Amino acid sequence: MDIPANLGEAFLDWFRARTEAAWAEYRPRAFEDYVARSVGGADWRRGTRWLNGLTEAESEKVERRWGLAFPPDYRLFLRRMHSVDRPMVGAGYTPYEEVGKPSRLMRVESPSFHNWLADDDALRARMEWPLEGLLFDTEHSDLWPPSWSAKPAAAEAREARVRELVAAAPGLIPVFVHRYLLARPCVAGNPVLSVYQSDIIVYGADLRGYLLIEFGDLLGLDRERVCGERAAFERTDHYEAIPFWGELIAGPADAALR
């Protein structure tokens, strides 16, 4: 498969054409399948298409709104692609309504790529997700690396310290569900991280590699090609140098990316 080598307009146009062709014939998983397997999840909707990209003025407005600075490769992605025209569909568990009563699966819709002009609530939740996950693990999973200084005895002090550390760390830009592009330095080629509480792994050496890995099946890529993209970040020593987040990054989860 002739895939443009760099994340430029040619690659993004190829990515748009391949994904929209796949979505045009897509058969999403039926809700009954989630129920039969007792699992939650989300799937694409048939006919999904990309929206028009953001203008430069719109990107700057979004940056001011969220206090961000988009690296140039992600800015190009927003200009050519931005987001898709419909949410994903699937199943999720209801909250526990009372002690001893199990939750149940229900039909849900959820965003995939966020619409920076419309998805304020979803984006706010994604912006808060990394901090909330770390706060949960400090209280419930005994997370407290030595570099965070002595662990305070009081929960309020522990929370204040984690908030201070995250505020000083490089920002994380939500790209797709709980995948985040490292915001600093503000240059092309930053890695994409999968963040689930303190379970943080590198999901792509850069934005282009991430898109090929995450959507390899949708794009019809063979396993050898996807594994080749994963090999670009097999070593973790480079990522360990990332301020704050680097200390929490595990290996690339071998071949089983989460």
C-alpha atoms as a PDB file:
ATOM      1  CA  MET A   1       0.000   0.000   0.000  1.00  0.00           C
ATOM      2  CA  ASP A   2       1.479   3.333  -1.081  1.00  0.00           C
ATOM      3  CA  ILE A   3       1.106   5.523   2.023  1.00  0.00           C
ATOM      4  CA  PRO A   4       2.559   9.060   1.940  1.00  0.00           C
ATOM      5  CA  ALA A   5       5.684   9.056   4.065  1.00  0.00           C
ATOM      6  CA  ASN A   6       5.133  12.231   6.090  1.00  0.00           C
ATOM      7  CA  LEU A   7       2.187  13.794   7.866  1.00  0.00           C
ATOM      8  CA  GLY A   8       1.369  16.403   5.271  1.00  0.00           C
ATOM      9  CA  GLU A   9      -1.640  17.251   3.146  1.00  0.00           C
ATOM     10  CA  ALA A  10      -1.084  14.192   0.914  1.00  0.00           C
ATOM     11  CA  PHE A  11      -1.119  11.816   3.885  1.00  0.00           C
ATOM     12  CA  LEU A  12      -4.202  13.405   5.439  1.00  0.00           C
ATOM     13  CA  ASP A  13      -6.057  13.371   2.106  1.00  0.00           C
ATOM     14  CA  TRP A  14      -5.174   9.673   1.775  1.00  0.00           C
ATOM     15  CA  PHE A  15      -6.344   9.061   5.351  1.00  0.00           C
ATOM     16  CA  ARG A  16      -9.641  10.859   4.710  1.00  0.00           C
ATOM     17  CA  ALA A  17     -10.326   8.911   1.513  1.00  0.00           C
ATOM     18  CA  ARG A  18      -9.494   5.520   3.051  1.00  0.00           C
ATOM     19  CA  THR A  19     -11.493   6.037   6.234  1.00  0.00           C
ATOM     20  CA  GLU A  20     -14.569   7.427   4.467  1.00  0.00           C
ATOM     21  CA  ALA A  21     -14.498   4.542   1.988  1.00  0.00           C
ATOM     22  CA  ALA A  22     -14.406   2.092   4.904  1.00  0.00           C
ATOM     23  CA  TRP A  23     -17.185   3.892   6.784  1.00  0.00           C
ATOM     24  CA  ALA A  24     -19.389   3.892   3.678  1.00  0.00           C
ATOM     25  CA  GLU A  25     -19.624   0.078   3.889  1.00  0.00           C
ATOM     26  CA  TYR A  26     -19.169  -0.283   7.632  1.00  0.00           C
ATOM     27  CA  ARG A  27     -21.277  -2.715   9.663  1.00  0.00           C
ATOM     28  CA  PRO A  28     -21.239  -1.625  13.323  1.00  0.00           C
ATOM     29  CA  ARG A  29     -21.493  -4.163  16.107  1.00  0.00           C
ATOM     30  CA  ALA A  30     -25.072  -4.757  17.193  1.00  0.00           C
ATOM     31  CA  PHE A  31     -26.105  -3.832  20.728  1.00  0.00           C
ATOM     32  CA  GLU A  32     -27.127  -7.449  21.282  1.00  0.00           C
ATOM     33  CA  ASP A  33     -23.525  -8.490  20.714  1.00  0.00           C
ATOM     34  CA  TYR A  34     -22.350  -6.284  23.574  1.00  0.00           C
ATOM     35  CA  VAL A  35     -25.027  -7.814  25.782  1.00  0.00           C
ATOM     36  CA  ALA A  36     -24.089 -11.359  24.801  1.00  0.00           C
ATOM     37  CA  ARG A  37     -20.435 -10.674  25.631  1.00  0.00           C
ATOM     38  CA  SER A  38     -21.236  -8.596  28.747  1.00  0.00           C
ATOM     39  CA  VAL A  39     -18.870  -5.851  27.641  1.00  0.00           C
ATOM     40  CA  GLY A  40     -19.153  -2.169  26.896  1.00  0.00           C
ATOM     41  CA  GLY A  41     -17.597  -0.388  23.966  1.00  0.00           C
ATOM     42  CA  ALA A  42     -18.184   1.883  21.010  1.00  0.00           C
ATOM     43  CA  ASP A  43     -18.158   1.462  17.262  1.00  0.00           C
ATOM     44  CA  TRP A  44     -18.300   3.614  14.146  1.00  0.00           C
ATOM     45  CA  ARG A  45     -21.599   4.400  12.453  1.00  0.00           C
ATOM     46  CA  ARG A  46     -22.088   3.529   8.818  1.00  0.00           C
ATOM     47  CA  GLY A  47     -21.650   6.542   6.564  1.00  0.00           C
ATOM     48  CA  THR A  48     -19.440   8.541   8.948  1.00  0.00           C
ATOM     49  CA  ARG A  49     -17.611  11.373   7.181  1.00  0.00           C
ATOM     50  CA  TRP A  50     -15.086  14.036   8.104  1.00  0.00           C
ATOM     51  CA  LEU A  51     -16.223  17.586   8.723  1.00  0.00           C
ATOM     52  CA  ASN A  52     -14.691  20.604   7.058  1.00  0.00           C
ATOM     53  CA  GLY A  53     -11.432  21.595   8.699  1.00  0.00           C
ATOM     54  CA  LEU A  54     -10.879  24.549  11.002  1.00  0.00           C
ATOM     55  CA  THR A  55      -9.737  27.870   9.601  1.00  0.00           C
ATOM     56  CA  GLU A  56      -6.632  29.460  11.057  1.00  0.00           C
ATOM     57  CA  ALA A  57      -8.812  31.983  12.880  1.00  0.00           C
ATOM     58  CA  GLU A  58     -10.929  29.168  14.349  1.00  0.00           C
ATOM     59  CA  SER A  59      -7.834  27.287  15.532  1.00  0.00           C
ATOM     60  CA  GLU A  60      -6.521  30.405  17.242  1.00  0.00           C
ATOM     61  CA  LYS A  61      -9.902  30.972  18.899  1.00  0.00           C
ATOM     62  CA  VAL A  62      -9.906  27.390  20.186  1.00  0.00           C
ATOM     63  CA  GLU A  63      -6.370  27.788  21.532  1.00  0.00           C
ATOM     64  CA  ARG A  64      -7.372  30.894  23.451  1.00  0.00           C
ATOM     65  CA  ARG A  65     -10.522  29.196  24.711  1.00  0.00           C
ATOM     66  CA  TRP A  66      -8.633  26.242  26.167  1.00  0.00           C
ATOM     67  CA  GLY A  67      -5.264  27.825  26.920  1.00  0.00           C
ATOM     68  CA  LEU A  68      -3.448  25.599  24.420  1.00  0.00           C
ATOM     69  CA  ALA A  69      -0.909  25.928  21.657  1.00  0.00           C
ATOM     70  CA  PHE A  70      -1.397  23.315  18.947  1.00  0.00           C
ATOM     71  CA  PRO A  71       1.806  21.761  17.536  1.00  0.00           C
ATOM     72  CA  PRO A  72       2.063  22.310  13.769  1.00  0.00           C
ATOM     73  CA  ASP A  73       1.239  18.710  12.767  1.00  0.00           C
ATOM     74  CA  TYR A  74      -1.953  18.708  14.836  1.00  0.00           C
ATOM     75  CA  ARG A  75      -2.839  22.174  13.552  1.00  0.00           C
ATOM     76  CA  LEU A  76      -2.575  20.762  10.022  1.00  0.00           C
ATOM     77  CA  PHE A  77      -4.747  17.808  11.038  1.00  0.00           C
ATOM     78  CA  LEU A  78      -7.412  20.220  12.310  1.00  0.00           C
ATOM     79  CA  ARG A  79      -7.218  22.280   9.130  1.00  0.00           C
ATOM     80  CA  ARG A  80      -7.666  19.266   6.833  1.00  0.00           C
ATOM     81  CA  MET A  81      -9.791  16.925   8.993  1.00  0.00           C
ATOM     82  CA  HIS A  82     -10.900  18.343  12.342  1.00  0.00           C
ATOM     83  CA  SER A  83     -13.609  15.867  13.416  1.00  0.00           C
ATOM     84  CA  VAL A  84     -16.306  13.525  12.136  1.00  0.00           C
ATOM     85  CA  ASP A  85     -19.975  14.260  11.542  1.00  0.00           C
ATOM     86  CA  ARG A  86     -21.552  11.799  13.992  1.00  0.00           C
ATOM     87  CA  PRO A  87     -20.779  10.138  17.324  1.00  0.00           C
ATOM     88  CA  MET A  88     -19.829   6.517  17.799  1.00  0.00           C
ATOM     89  CA  VAL A  89     -22.481   4.098  19.056  1.00  0.00           C
ATOM     90  CA  GLY A  90     -22.231   1.199  21.438  1.00  0.00           C
ATOM     91  CA  ALA A  91     -22.960   0.097  24.978  1.00  0.00           C
ATOM     92  CA  GLY A  92     -22.022   1.260  28.447  1.00  0.00           C
ATOM     93  CA  TYR A  93     -22.857   0.247  31.975  1.00  0.00           C
ATOM     94  CA  THR A  94     -25.336   2.267  34.008  1.00  0.00           C
ATOM     95  CA  PRO A  95     -24.071   3.651  37.341  1.00  0.00           C
ATOM     96  CA  TYR A  96     -24.756   1.547  40.408  1.00  0.00           C
ATOM     97  CA  GLU A  97     -28.185   2.684  41.554  1.00  0.00           C
ATOM     98  CA  GLU A  98     -27.996   1.067  44.972  1.00  0.00           C
ATOM     99  CA  VAL A  99     -25.691  -1.157  46.977  1.00  0.00           C
ATOM    100  CA  GLY A 100     -25.919  -4.769  45.877  1.00  0.00           C
ATOM    101  CA  LYS A 101     -27.815  -4.025  42.664  1.00  0.00           C
ATOM    102  CA  PRO A 102     -25.665  -4.678  39.584  1.00  0.00           C
ATOM    103  CA  SER A 103     -25.434  -2.129  36.804  1.00  0.00           C
ATOM    104  CA  ARG A 104     -26.722  -3.035  33.363  1.00  0.00           C
ATOM    105  CA  LEU A 105     -25.722  -2.338  29.788  1.00  0.00           C
ATOM    106  CA  MET A 106     -27.501   0.412  27.898  1.00  0.00           C
ATOM    107  CA  ARG A 107     -27.146   1.925  24.449  1.00  0.00           C
ATOM    108  CA  VAL A 108     -24.804   4.934  24.394  1.00  0.00           C
ATOM    109  CA  GLU A 109     -23.391   7.473  21.964  1.00  0.00           C
ATOM    110  CA  SER A 110     -19.916   8.899  22.487  1.00  0.00           C
ATOM    111  CA  PRO A 111     -17.604  11.276  20.615  1.00  0.00           C
ATOM    112  CA  SER A 112     -14.519   9.965  18.881  1.00  0.00           C
ATOM    113  CA  PHE A 113     -12.539  12.849  17.425  1.00  0.00           C
ATOM    114  CA  HIS A 114     -13.746  15.901  19.306  1.00  0.00           C
ATOM    115  CA  ASN A 115     -15.375  18.823  17.568  1.00  0.00           C
ATOM    116  CA  TRP A 116     -13.438  21.764  18.993  1.00  0.00           C
ATOM    117  CA  LEU A 117     -16.234  24.155  18.021  1.00  0.00           C
ATOM    118  CA  ALA A 118     -19.111  22.261  19.615  1.00  0.00           C
ATOM    119  CA  ASP A 119     -18.045  19.577  22.108  1.00  0.00           C
ATOM    120  CA  ASP A 120     -17.345  21.780  25.124  1.00  0.00           C
ATOM    121  CA  ASP A 121     -18.641  19.338  27.729  1.00  0.00           C
ATOM    122  CA  ALA A 122     -16.875  16.337  26.234  1.00  0.00           C
ATOM    123  CA  LEU A 123     -13.647  18.280  25.782  1.00  0.00           C
ATOM    124  CA  ARG A 124     -13.780  19.572  29.342  1.00  0.00           C
ATOM    125  CA  ALA A 125     -14.191  16.017  30.584  1.00  0.00           C
ATOM    126  CA  ARG A 126     -11.241  14.863  28.483  1.00  0.00           C
ATOM    127  CA  MET A 127      -9.091  17.748  29.699  1.00  0.00           C
ATOM    128  CA  GLU A 128      -9.839  16.762  33.296  1.00  0.00           C
ATOM    129  CA  TRP A 129      -9.475  13.019  32.723  1.00  0.00           C
ATOM    130  CA  PRO A 130      -5.672  12.684  33.278  1.00  0.00           C
ATOM    131  CA  LEU A 131      -5.747  14.617  36.574  1.00  0.00           C
ATOM    132  CA  GLU A 132      -8.834  12.796  37.829  1.00  0.00           C
ATOM    133  CA  GLY A 133      -7.253   9.436  37.049  1.00  0.00           C
ATOM    134  CA  LEU A 134      -4.076  10.266  38.945  1.00  0.00           C
ATOM    135  CA  LEU A 135      -6.049  11.548  41.927  1.00  0.00           C
ATOM    136  CA  PHE A 136      -8.011   8.286  41.968  1.00  0.00           C
ATOM    137  CA  ASP A 137      -4.847   6.173  41.901  1.00  0.00           C
ATOM    138  CA  THR A 138      -3.152   8.168  44.656  1.00  0.00           C
ATOM    139  CA  GLU A 139      -6.063   7.359  46.951  1.00  0.00           C
ATOM    140  CA  HIS A 140      -6.978   3.854  45.797  1.00  0.00           C
ATOM    141  CA  SER A 141      -3.857   2.323  44.215  1.00  0.00           C
ATOM    142  CA  ASP A 142      -1.092   3.707  46.443  1.00  0.00           C
ATOM    143  CA  LEU A 143       0.388   5.782  43.611  1.00  0.00           C
ATOM    144  CA  TRP A 144       3.089   8.136  44.887  1.00  0.00           C
ATOM    145  CA  PRO A 145       6.473   8.160  43.101  1.00  0.00           C
ATOM    146  CA  PRO A 146       9.432   9.354  45.241  1.00  0.00           C
ATOM    147  CA  SER A 147       9.952  12.326  42.881  1.00  0.00           C
ATOM    148  CA  TRP A 148       6.644  13.791  44.063  1.00  0.00           C
ATOM    149  CA  SER A 149       8.318  14.510  47.438  1.00  0.00           C
ATOM    150  CA  ALA A 150       7.179  13.097  50.757  1.00  0.00           C
ATOM    151  CA  LYS A 151       3.608  11.828  50.686  1.00  0.00           C
ATOM    152  CA  PRO A 152       1.387  14.099  52.802  1.00  0.00           C
ATOM    153  CA  ALA A 153      -0.722  12.456  55.475  1.00  0.00           C
ATOM    154  CA  ALA A 154      -3.838  14.473  54.653  1.00  0.00           C
ATOM    155  CA  ALA A 155      -5.904  13.697  51.537  1.00  0.00           C
ATOM    156  CA  GLU A 156      -6.381  17.398  50.819  1.00  0.00           C
ATOM    157  CA  ALA A 157      -2.629  17.962  50.798  1.00  0.00           C
ATOM    158  CA  ARG A 158      -2.065  14.974  48.529  1.00  0.00           C
ATOM    159  CA  GLU A 159      -4.618  16.303  46.074  1.00  0.00           C
ATOM    160  CA  ALA A 160      -3.072  19.776  46.151  1.00  0.00           C
ATOM    161  CA  ARG A 161       0.369  18.319  45.392  1.00  0.00           C
ATOM    162  CA  VAL A 162      -0.886  16.261  42.433  1.00  0.00           C
ATOM    163  CA  ARG A 163      -2.731  19.262  41.042  1.00  0.00           C
ATOM    164  CA  GLU A 164       0.438  21.326  41.341  1.00  0.00           C
ATOM    165  CA  LEU A 165       2.494  18.712  39.487  1.00  0.00           C
ATOM    166  CA  VAL A 166      -0.013  18.302  36.664  1.00  0.00           C
ATOM    167  CA  ALA A 167      -0.378  22.071  36.257  1.00  0.00           C
ATOM    168  CA  ALA A 168       3.394  22.363  35.770  1.00  0.00           C
ATOM    169  CA  ALA A 169       3.625  19.383  33.384  1.00  0.00           C
ATOM    170  CA  PRO A 170       3.416  19.594  29.572  1.00  0.00           C
ATOM    171  CA  GLY A 171      -0.217  19.800  28.517  1.00  0.00           C
ATOM    172  CA  LEU A 172      -2.027  16.875  26.922  1.00  0.00           C
ATOM    173  CA  ILE A 173      -4.239  17.587  23.899  1.00  0.00           C
ATOM    174  CA  PRO A 174      -7.177  15.174  23.510  1.00  0.00           C
ATOM    175  CA  VAL A 175      -7.085  13.641  20.041  1.00  0.00           C
ATOM    176  CA  PHE A 176      -9.313  10.558  20.132  1.00  0.00           C
ATOM    177  CA  VAL A 177     -11.164   9.145  23.165  1.00  0.00           C
ATOM    178  CA  HIS A 178      -8.401   8.811  25.832  1.00  0.00           C
ATOM    179  CA  ARG A 179      -5.458   9.291  23.454  1.00  0.00           C
ATOM    180  CA  TYR A 180      -3.551  12.549  23.917  1.00  0.00           C
ATOM    181  CA  LEU A 181      -0.896  14.397  21.947  1.00  0.00           C
ATOM    182  CA  LEU A 182       1.891  15.863  24.046  1.00  0.00           C
ATOM    183  CA  ALA A 183       1.574  19.637  23.699  1.00  0.00           C
ATOM    184  CA  ARG A 184       5.143  20.647  24.555  1.00  0.00           C
ATOM    185  CA  PRO A 185       7.479  21.327  22.997  1.00  0.00           C
ATOM    186  CA  CYS A 186       5.193  22.955  20.428  1.00  0.00           C
ATOM    187  CA  VAL A 187       6.806  21.191  17.465  1.00  0.00           C
ATOM    188  CA  ALA A 188       5.770  18.511  15.001  1.00  0.00           C
ATOM    189  CA  GLY A 189       6.546  14.933  15.961  1.00  0.00           C
ATOM    190  CA  ASN A 190       5.406  14.733  19.587  1.00  0.00           C
ATOM    191  CA  PRO A 191       4.226  11.302  20.778  1.00  0.00           C
ATOM    192  CA  VAL A 192       0.612  10.314  21.337  1.00  0.00           C
ATOM    193  CA  LEU A 193      -0.100   8.834  24.753  1.00  0.00           C
ATOM    194  CA  SER A 194      -2.874   6.554  25.918  1.00  0.00           C
ATOM    195  CA  VAL A 195      -3.909   7.773  29.376  1.00  0.00           C
ATOM    196  CA  TYR A 196      -6.060   5.692  31.685  1.00  0.00           C
ATOM    197  CA  GLN A 197      -5.468   6.789  35.284  1.00  0.00           C
ATOM    198  CA  SER A 198      -1.760   6.147  35.932  1.00  0.00           C
ATOM    199  CA  ASP A 199      -1.677   3.497  33.200  1.00  0.00           C
ATOM    200  CA  ILE A 200       0.082   5.583  30.552  1.00  0.00           C
ATOM    201  CA  ILE A 201       1.673   4.149  27.430  1.00  0.00           C
ATOM    202  CA  VAL A 202       3.057   5.556  24.194  1.00  0.00           C
ATOM    203  CA  TYR A 203       0.498   4.804  21.464  1.00  0.00           C
ATOM    204  CA  GLY A 204       2.359   6.402  18.586  1.00  0.00           C
ATOM    205  CA  ALA A 205       5.820   7.859  18.111  1.00  0.00           C
ATOM    206  CA  ASP A 206       4.136  10.801  16.394  1.00  0.00           C
ATOM    207  CA  LEU A 207       0.688  11.754  15.128  1.00  0.00           C
ATOM    208  CA  ARG A 208       1.092  10.010  11.764  1.00  0.00           C
ATOM    209  CA  GLY A 209       2.265   6.766  13.335  1.00  0.00           C
ATOM    210  CA  TYR A 210      -0.541   6.930  15.859  1.00  0.00           C
ATOM    211  CA  LEU A 211      -3.211   7.252  13.150  1.00  0.00           C
ATOM    212  CA  LEU A 212      -1.846   4.205  11.323  1.00  0.00           C
ATOM    213  CA  ILE A 213      -1.734   2.142  14.519  1.00  0.00           C
ATOM    214  CA  GLU A 214      -5.084   3.161  15.977  1.00  0.00           C
ATOM    215  CA  PHE A 215      -6.975   2.810  12.692  1.00  0.00           C
ATOM    216  CA  GLY A 216      -4.954   0.047  11.061  1.00  0.00           C
ATOM    217  CA  ASP A 217      -7.924  -2.313  10.823  1.00  0.00           C
ATOM    218  CA  LEU A 218     -10.228   0.372   9.419  1.00  0.00           C
ATOM    219  CA  LEU A 219      -7.565   1.350   6.872  1.00  0.00           C
ATOM    220  CA  GLY A 220      -7.028  -2.265   5.830  1.00  0.00           C
ATOM    221  CA  LEU A 221      -3.368  -2.312   6.861  1.00  0.00           C
ATOM    222  CA  ASP A 222      -1.744  -5.693   7.308  1.00  0.00           C
ATOM    223  CA  ARG A 223      -0.304  -6.698  10.669  1.00  0.00           C
ATOM    224  CA  GLU A 224       3.280  -6.358   9.433  1.00  0.00           C
ATOM    225  CA  ARG A 225       2.736  -2.704   8.551  1.00  0.00           C
ATOM    226  CA  VAL A 226       1.142  -1.885  11.897  1.00  0.00           C
ATOM    227  CA  CYS A 227       3.897  -3.718  13.784  1.00  0.00           C
ATOM    228  CA  GLY A 228       6.413  -1.695  11.799  1.00  0.00           C
ATOM    229  CA  GLU A 229       4.841   1.518  13.061  1.00  0.00           C
ATOM    230  CA  ARG A 230       4.934   0.177  16.618  1.00  0.00           C
ATOM    231  CA  ALA A 231       8.637  -0.608  16.274  1.00  0.00           C
ATOM    232  CA  ALA A 232       9.276   3.137  15.973  1.00  0.00           C
ATOM    233  CA  PHE A 233       8.774   3.499  19.733  1.00  0.00           C
ATOM    234  CA  GLU A 234       9.933   0.193  21.205  1.00  0.00           C
ATOM    235  CA  ARG A 235      12.527   1.950  23.314  1.00  0.00           C
ATOM    236  CA  THR A 236      11.155   3.920  26.254  1.00  0.00           C
ATOM    237  CA  ASP A 237      14.249   5.811  27.430  1.00  0.00           C
ATOM    238  CA  HIS A 238      13.417   8.775  25.167  1.00  0.00           C
ATOM    239  CA  TYR A 239       9.923   9.083  26.608  1.00  0.00           C
ATOM    240  CA  GLU A 240      11.124   8.797  30.199  1.00  0.00           C
ATOM    241  CA  ALA A 241      12.732  12.226  29.720  1.00  0.00           C
ATOM    242  CA  ILE A 242       9.313  13.878  29.252  1.00  0.00           C
ATOM    243  CA  PRO A 243       8.687  16.081  32.312  1.00  0.00           C
ATOM    244  CA  PHE A 244       6.300  14.482  34.813  1.00  0.00           C
ATOM    245  CA  TRP A 245       4.445  12.163  32.383  1.00  0.00           C
ATOM    246  CA  GLY A 246       7.648  10.377  31.404  1.00  0.00           C
ATOM    247  CA  GLU A 247       8.060   8.856  34.845  1.00  0.00           C
ATOM    248  CA  LEU A 248       4.596   7.305  34.570  1.00  0.00           C
ATOM    249  CA  ILE A 249       5.006   5.945  31.038  1.00  0.00           C
ATOM    250  CA  ALA A 250       5.235   2.188  30.903  1.00  0.00           C
ATOM    251  CA  GLY A 251       6.632   0.334  27.927  1.00  0.00           C
ATOM    252  CA  PRO A 252       4.633   0.249  24.686  1.00  0.00           C
ATOM    253  CA  ALA A 253       2.712  -2.750  26.078  1.00  0.00           C
ATOM    254  CA  ASP A 254       4.574  -5.060  23.709  1.00  0.00           C
ATOM    255  CA  ALA A 255       2.197  -5.955  20.880  1.00  0.00           C
ATOM    256  CA  ALA A 256      -0.986  -5.536  22.869  1.00  0.00           C
ATOM    257  CA  LEU A 257      -1.684  -1.828  22.853  1.00  0.00           C
ATOM    258  CA  ARG A 258      -4.568  -0.764  25.078  1.00  0.00           C
END
